[in-house]
Amino acid sequence: MRARYPLFETHADQLKTPTGVPFEEITVEALLADKIGMQDLRVTRQALEMQATIADRAGRPQLADNLRRAAELVDVPEAEILAIYDLLRPGRSDSARLRQVALDLETRYGATRCARLIRDAADAYAEG
């Protein structure tokens, strides 16, 4: 069967929250009753990978790559993501610092696709 969007309508039975709650149990009532928390409202690596597969099948490889990079970042603290974003802005870093950030992402979080993207930026900094 070909996967389709939106996942919450077509594959809700396959989705879980980051804490393992089945997606179908995410309701306003459950939130108000403290049966789920804010962590349950975050996207999961699994959901992003599923979306990437759909994008691949639809002939949208760049979107699939972006979704897979996003999947790598779900466990990276927001403060780290914002710091990396700031380093990638023009004039905010240098090639050596970006390479260190890439290595850190790769070793601490297994974010190989994101590390590759940052190394590409480091190469651009080195050339420029």
N, C-alpha and C. Protein backbone atom coordinates (compact mmCIF):
# COMPACT_ATOMS: atom_id res chain seq x y z
N MET A 1 0.84 -1.18 0.00
CA MET A 1 0.00 0.00 0.00
C MET A 1 0.88 1.24 0.00
N ARG A 2 0.54 2.18 -0.80
CA ARG A 2 1.32 3.41 -0.88
C ARG A 2 0.96 4.36 0.26
N ALA A 3 1.97 4.85 0.95
CA ALA A 3 1.75 5.77 2.06
C ALA A 3 1.27 7.12 1.54
N ARG A 4 0.39 7.74 2.31
CA ARG A 4 -0.15 9.04 1.91
C ARG A 4 -0.21 9.97 3.12
N TYR A 5 -0.26 11.25 2.80
CA TYR A 5 -0.45 12.28 3.82
C TYR A 5 -1.93 12.44 4.09
N PRO A 6 -2.29 13.06 5.16
CA PRO A 6 -1.46 13.25 6.36
C PRO A 6 -1.37 11.96 7.16
N LEU A 7 -0.24 11.76 7.76
CA LEU A 7 0.01 10.51 8.48
C LEU A 7 -1.00 10.29 9.61
N PHE A 8 -1.42 11.36 10.26
CA PHE A 8 -2.34 11.17 11.38
C PHE A 8 -3.70 10.67 10.92
N GLU A 9 -4.01 10.85 9.63
CA GLU A 9 -5.26 10.31 9.10
C GLU A 9 -5.07 8.94 8.46
N THR A 10 -3.93 8.72 7.85
CA THR A 10 -3.73 7.49 7.08
C THR A 10 -2.94 6.41 7.81
N HIS A 11 -2.15 6.79 8.81
CA HIS A 11 -1.30 5.82 9.51
C HIS A 11 -1.26 6.07 11.01
N ALA A 12 -2.32 6.58 11.58
CA ALA A 12 -2.33 6.90 13.01
C ALA A 12 -2.01 5.69 13.86
N ASP A 13 -2.42 4.52 13.40
CA ASP A 13 -2.17 3.30 14.17
C ASP A 13 -0.69 2.94 14.26
N GLN A 14 0.14 3.53 13.40
CA GLN A 14 1.58 3.26 13.40
C GLN A 14 2.38 4.31 14.15
N LEU A 15 1.73 5.38 14.57
CA LEU A 15 2.44 6.50 15.20
C LEU A 15 2.33 6.45 16.72
N LYS A 16 3.42 6.82 17.37
CA LYS A 16 3.45 6.95 18.82
C LYS A 16 4.14 8.28 19.15
N THR A 17 3.89 8.76 20.34
CA THR A 17 4.55 9.98 20.80
C THR A 17 5.96 9.64 21.26
N PRO A 18 6.78 10.64 21.54
CA PRO A 18 8.13 10.36 22.04
C PRO A 18 8.15 9.54 23.33
N THR A 19 7.08 9.58 24.11
CA THR A 19 7.04 8.81 25.35
C THR A 19 6.33 7.47 25.16
N GLY A 20 5.93 7.15 23.92
CA GLY A 20 5.33 5.85 23.63
C GLY A 20 3.82 5.79 23.66
N VAL A 21 3.16 6.91 23.88
CA VAL A 21 1.70 6.93 23.87
C VAL A 21 1.21 6.78 22.43
N PRO A 22 0.27 5.88 22.19
CA PRO A 22 -0.27 5.76 20.83
C PRO A 22 -0.88 7.08 20.37
N PHE A 23 -0.62 7.43 19.13
CA PHE A 23 -1.06 8.71 18.61
C PHE A 23 -2.57 8.90 18.76
N GLU A 24 -3.32 7.82 18.62
CA GLU A 24 -4.77 7.90 18.69
C GLU A 24 -5.26 8.33 20.08
N GLU A 25 -4.39 8.25 21.09
CA GLU A 25 -4.77 8.65 22.44
C GLU A 25 -4.48 10.12 22.74
N ILE A 26 -3.95 10.84 21.76
CA ILE A 26 -3.66 12.25 21.94
C ILE A 26 -4.95 13.04 21.70
N THR A 27 -5.52 13.51 22.80
CA THR A 27 -6.75 14.30 22.73
C THR A 27 -6.63 15.48 23.69
N VAL A 28 -7.47 16.45 23.50
CA VAL A 28 -7.51 17.59 24.42
C VAL A 28 -7.88 17.10 25.81
N GLU A 29 -8.82 16.17 25.86
CA GLU A 29 -9.24 15.63 27.15
C GLU A 29 -8.07 14.96 27.88
N ALA A 30 -7.27 14.19 27.15
CA ALA A 30 -6.12 13.52 27.77
C ALA A 30 -5.11 14.54 28.26
N LEU A 31 -4.93 15.61 27.53
CA LEU A 31 -4.00 16.67 27.95
C LEU A 31 -4.51 17.34 29.21
N LEU A 32 -5.80 17.68 29.23
CA LEU A 32 -6.39 18.35 30.40
C LEU A 32 -6.39 17.45 31.63
N ALA A 33 -6.45 16.14 31.42
CA ALA A 33 -6.45 15.19 32.53
C ALA A 33 -5.03 14.78 32.92
N ASP A 34 -4.02 15.42 32.34
CA ASP A 34 -2.61 15.12 32.62
C ASP A 34 -2.23 13.68 32.29
N LYS A 35 -2.93 13.06 31.34
CA LYS A 35 -2.57 11.72 30.88
C LYS A 35 -1.45 11.79 29.84
N ILE A 36 -1.31 12.95 29.23
CA ILE A 36 -0.22 13.21 28.30
C ILE A 36 0.36 14.57 28.66
N GLY A 37 1.60 14.79 28.21
CA GLY A 37 2.25 16.06 28.49
C GLY A 37 2.77 16.71 27.22
N MET A 38 3.42 17.81 27.37
CA MET A 38 3.93 18.55 26.21
C MET A 38 4.92 17.71 25.41
N GLN A 39 5.69 16.86 26.08
CA GLN A 39 6.64 16.00 25.37
C GLN A 39 5.93 15.10 24.36
N ASP A 40 4.68 14.74 24.67
CA ASP A 40 3.92 13.88 23.76
C ASP A 40 3.49 14.61 22.49
N LEU A 41 3.59 15.90 22.47
CA LEU A 41 3.16 16.69 21.32
C LEU A 41 4.29 16.97 20.35
N ARG A 42 5.47 16.48 20.63
CA ARG A 42 6.63 16.69 19.76
C ARG A 42 6.65 15.63 18.66
N VAL A 43 7.25 15.98 17.56
CA VAL A 43 7.38 15.04 16.44
C VAL A 43 8.41 13.98 16.80
N THR A 44 8.25 12.81 16.23
CA THR A 44 9.19 11.72 16.50
C THR A 44 10.04 11.44 15.26
N ARG A 45 11.14 10.80 15.51
CA ARG A 45 12.02 10.37 14.41
C ARG A 45 11.25 9.46 13.46
N GLN A 46 10.45 8.55 14.02
CA GLN A 46 9.68 7.61 13.22
C GLN A 46 8.73 8.33 12.26
N ALA A 47 8.01 9.33 12.76
CA ALA A 47 7.06 10.06 11.92
C ALA A 47 7.79 10.79 10.79
N LEU A 48 8.92 11.39 11.10
CA LEU A 48 9.68 12.10 10.07
C LEU A 48 10.25 11.13 9.04
N GLU A 49 10.69 9.97 9.48
CA GLU A 49 11.18 8.95 8.54
C GLU A 49 10.05 8.46 7.64
N MET A 50 8.86 8.28 8.21
CA MET A 50 7.72 7.88 7.40
C MET A 50 7.40 8.94 6.34
N GLN A 51 7.45 10.20 6.74
CA GLN A 51 7.19 11.29 5.80
C GLN A 51 8.27 11.32 4.71
N ALA A 52 9.51 11.04 5.09
CA ALA A 52 10.59 11.00 4.10
C ALA A 52 10.36 9.90 3.07
N THR A 53 9.89 8.76 3.52
CA THR A 53 9.58 7.67 2.61
C THR A 53 8.49 8.08 1.62
N ILE A 54 7.49 8.75 2.12
CA ILE A 54 6.41 9.25 1.25
C ILE A 54 6.97 10.24 0.23
N ALA A 55 7.82 11.13 0.68
CA ALA A 55 8.42 12.12 -0.23
C ALA A 55 9.26 11.43 -1.31
N ASP A 56 10.02 10.41 -0.90
CA ASP A 56 10.81 9.65 -1.88
C ASP A 56 9.89 9.03 -2.94
N ARG A 57 8.84 8.38 -2.48
CA ARG A 57 7.92 7.72 -3.41
C ARG A 57 7.20 8.70 -4.33
N ALA A 58 7.06 9.93 -3.87
CA ALA A 58 6.41 10.97 -4.67
C ALA A 58 7.40 11.66 -5.60
N GLY A 59 8.67 11.22 -5.60
CA GLY A 59 9.67 11.81 -6.48
C GLY A 59 10.21 13.13 -5.97
N ARG A 60 10.23 13.32 -4.66
CA ARG A 60 10.72 14.57 -4.06
C ARG A 60 11.91 14.28 -3.15
N PRO A 61 13.05 13.93 -3.77
CA PRO A 61 14.22 13.52 -2.97
C PRO A 61 14.78 14.61 -2.06
N GLN A 62 14.71 15.88 -2.48
CA GLN A 62 15.24 16.95 -1.62
C GLN A 62 14.40 17.07 -0.35
N LEU A 63 13.08 16.98 -0.50
CA LEU A 63 12.22 17.02 0.68
C LEU A 63 12.50 15.83 1.58
N ALA A 64 12.67 14.66 0.99
CA ALA A 64 12.99 13.46 1.77
C ALA A 64 14.29 13.65 2.54
N ASP A 65 15.31 14.22 1.91
CA ASP A 65 16.59 14.49 2.59
C ASP A 65 16.39 15.44 3.77
N ASN A 66 15.60 16.50 3.54
CA ASN A 66 15.34 17.46 4.62
C ASN A 66 14.63 16.80 5.79
N LEU A 67 13.65 15.95 5.51
CA LEU A 67 12.92 15.26 6.56
C LEU A 67 13.83 14.30 7.32
N ARG A 68 14.74 13.65 6.62
CA ARG A 68 15.67 12.73 7.30
C ARG A 68 16.67 13.50 8.17
N ARG A 69 17.10 14.68 7.71
CA ARG A 69 17.96 15.50 8.57
C ARG A 69 17.18 15.95 9.81
N ALA A 70 15.92 16.32 9.61
CA ALA A 70 15.09 16.72 10.76
C ALA A 70 14.94 15.55 11.74
N ALA A 71 14.78 14.35 11.21
CA ALA A 71 14.65 13.16 12.07
C ALA A 71 15.90 12.98 12.93
N GLU A 72 17.06 13.30 12.37
CA GLU A 72 18.30 13.17 13.14
C GLU A 72 18.36 14.16 14.30
N LEU A 73 17.61 15.24 14.20
CA LEU A 73 17.71 16.31 15.19
C LEU A 73 16.68 16.23 16.31
N VAL A 74 15.78 15.25 16.28
CA VAL A 74 14.72 15.23 17.30
C VAL A 74 15.25 15.09 18.72
N ASP A 75 16.41 14.47 18.90
CA ASP A 75 16.96 14.30 20.24
C ASP A 75 17.98 15.38 20.62
N VAL A 76 18.27 16.28 19.71
CA VAL A 76 19.22 17.36 19.98
C VAL A 76 18.47 18.48 20.71
N PRO A 77 18.98 18.91 21.85
CA PRO A 77 18.31 20.00 22.58
C PRO A 77 18.16 21.26 21.72
N GLU A 78 17.04 21.92 21.91
CA GLU A 78 16.74 23.12 21.11
C GLU A 78 17.85 24.17 21.21
N ALA A 79 18.42 24.34 22.38
CA ALA A 79 19.47 25.34 22.55
C ALA A 79 20.67 25.02 21.65
N GLU A 80 20.99 23.74 21.50
CA GLU A 80 22.09 23.35 20.62
C GLU A 80 21.75 23.61 19.16
N ILE A 81 20.53 23.31 18.78
CA ILE A 81 20.10 23.56 17.40
C ILE A 81 20.18 25.05 17.08
N LEU A 82 19.73 25.88 18.01
CA LEU A 82 19.78 27.33 17.78
C LEU A 82 21.22 27.83 17.72
N ALA A 83 22.09 27.26 18.54
CA ALA A 83 23.51 27.66 18.51
C ALA A 83 24.14 27.27 17.17
N ILE A 84 23.81 26.08 16.67
CA ILE A 84 24.33 25.65 15.37
C ILE A 84 23.81 26.54 14.27
N TYR A 85 22.52 26.85 14.32
CA TYR A 85 21.93 27.76 13.34
C TYR A 85 22.69 29.08 13.32
N ASP A 86 22.98 29.60 14.50
CA ASP A 86 23.69 30.87 14.58
C ASP A 86 25.09 30.76 13.97
N LEU A 87 25.77 29.64 14.21
CA LEU A 87 27.10 29.44 13.65
C LEU A 87 27.09 29.34 12.13
N LEU A 88 25.97 28.88 11.57
CA LEU A 88 25.87 28.73 10.12
C LEU A 88 25.55 30.05 9.41
N ARG A 89 25.21 31.07 10.15
CA ARG A 89 24.94 32.37 9.54
C ARG A 89 26.25 32.97 9.03
N PRO A 90 26.18 33.73 7.95
CA PRO A 90 27.40 34.32 7.37
C PRO A 90 28.20 35.12 8.39
N GLY A 91 29.50 34.85 8.42
CA GLY A 91 30.41 35.60 9.27
C GLY A 91 30.38 35.22 10.74
N ARG A 92 29.65 34.20 11.12
CA ARG A 92 29.52 33.84 12.53
C ARG A 92 30.47 32.75 12.97
N SER A 93 31.14 32.11 12.02
CA SER A 93 32.01 30.99 12.39
C SER A 93 33.10 30.85 11.35
N ASP A 94 33.89 29.83 11.53
CA ASP A 94 34.91 29.51 10.54
C ASP A 94 34.87 28.02 10.25
N SER A 95 35.64 27.61 9.29
CA SER A 95 35.63 26.23 8.84
C SER A 95 35.97 25.25 9.97
N ALA A 96 36.97 25.56 10.76
CA ALA A 96 37.39 24.65 11.84
C ALA A 96 36.28 24.47 12.87
N ARG A 97 35.64 25.55 13.25
CA ARG A 97 34.56 25.47 14.25
C ARG A 97 33.39 24.65 13.70
N LEU A 98 33.04 24.86 12.43
CA LEU A 98 31.94 24.11 11.83
C LEU A 98 32.27 22.62 11.76
N ARG A 99 33.51 22.31 11.45
CA ARG A 99 33.91 20.89 11.41
C ARG A 99 33.79 20.25 12.80
N GLN A 100 34.11 21.00 13.83
CA GLN A 100 33.96 20.49 15.20
C GLN A 100 32.49 20.26 15.53
N VAL A 101 31.63 21.18 15.12
CA VAL A 101 30.19 21.03 15.35
C VAL A 101 29.68 19.78 14.62
N ALA A 102 30.13 19.58 13.39
CA ALA A 102 29.72 18.40 12.61
C ALA A 102 30.15 17.13 13.32
N LEU A 103 31.37 17.08 13.79
CA LEU A 103 31.87 15.91 14.49
C LEU A 103 31.06 15.65 15.77
N ASP A 104 30.75 16.71 16.48
CA ASP A 104 29.96 16.60 17.70
C ASP A 104 28.56 16.03 17.41
N LEU A 105 27.91 16.54 16.39
CA LEU A 105 26.59 16.04 16.01
C LEU A 105 26.64 14.56 15.64
N GLU A 106 27.68 14.22 14.93
CA GLU A 106 27.84 12.84 14.47
C GLU A 106 28.10 11.88 15.64
N THR A 107 28.99 12.27 16.54
CA THR A 107 29.36 11.36 17.62
C THR A 107 28.34 11.33 18.75
N ARG A 108 27.77 12.44 19.09
CA ARG A 108 26.82 12.48 20.21
C ARG A 108 25.41 12.04 19.83
N TYR A 109 25.01 12.34 18.60
CA TYR A 109 23.62 12.09 18.22
C TYR A 109 23.45 11.18 17.00
N GLY A 110 24.54 10.77 16.38
CA GLY A 110 24.45 9.94 15.19
C GLY A 110 23.86 10.68 14.00
N ALA A 111 23.97 11.99 14.00
CA ALA A 111 23.37 12.83 12.96
C ALA A 111 24.32 12.97 11.77
N THR A 112 24.49 11.90 11.02
CA THR A 112 25.47 11.89 9.93
C THR A 112 25.06 12.79 8.77
N ARG A 113 23.78 12.83 8.44
CA ARG A 113 23.33 13.69 7.34
C ARG A 113 23.51 15.17 7.69
N CYS A 114 23.15 15.52 8.92
CA CYS A 114 23.33 16.91 9.35
C CYS A 114 24.81 17.27 9.40
N ALA A 115 25.63 16.35 9.86
CA ALA A 115 27.07 16.58 9.91
C ALA A 115 27.62 16.82 8.50
N ARG A 116 27.14 16.04 7.55
CA ARG A 116 27.59 16.21 6.16
C ARG A 116 27.22 17.60 5.63
N LEU A 117 26.02 18.05 5.95
CA LEU A 117 25.58 19.38 5.53
C LEU A 117 26.46 20.48 6.14
N ILE A 118 26.80 20.32 7.41
CA ILE A 118 27.64 21.31 8.08
C ILE A 118 29.06 21.27 7.53
N ARG A 119 29.55 20.09 7.20
CA ARG A 119 30.88 20.01 6.58
C ARG A 119 30.88 20.69 5.20
N ASP A 120 29.78 20.58 4.46
CA ASP A 120 29.66 21.31 3.19
C ASP A 120 29.76 22.81 3.43
N ALA A 121 29.11 23.29 4.48
CA ALA A 121 29.20 24.70 4.82
C ALA A 121 30.63 25.06 5.22
N ALA A 122 31.30 24.18 5.96
CA ALA A 122 32.69 24.42 6.35
C ALA A 122 33.58 24.52 5.11
N ASP A 123 33.33 23.65 4.12
CA ASP A 123 34.10 23.72 2.88
C ASP A 123 33.89 25.06 2.18
N ALA A 124 32.64 25.53 2.18
CA ALA A 124 32.33 26.82 1.56
C ALA A 124 33.05 27.96 2.29
N TYR A 125 33.09 27.89 3.62
CA TYR A 125 33.80 28.89 4.40
C TYR A 125 35.29 28.86 4.07
N ALA A 126 35.85 27.67 3.93
CA ALA A 126 37.26 27.53 3.66
C ALA A 126 37.62 28.09 2.28
N GLU A 127 36.71 27.93 1.32
CA GLU A 127 36.94 28.44 -0.04
C GLU A 127 36.77 29.96 -0.12
N GLY A 128 35.88 30.49 0.71
CA GLY A 128 35.51 31.89 0.61
C GLY A 128 36.38 32.78 1.37
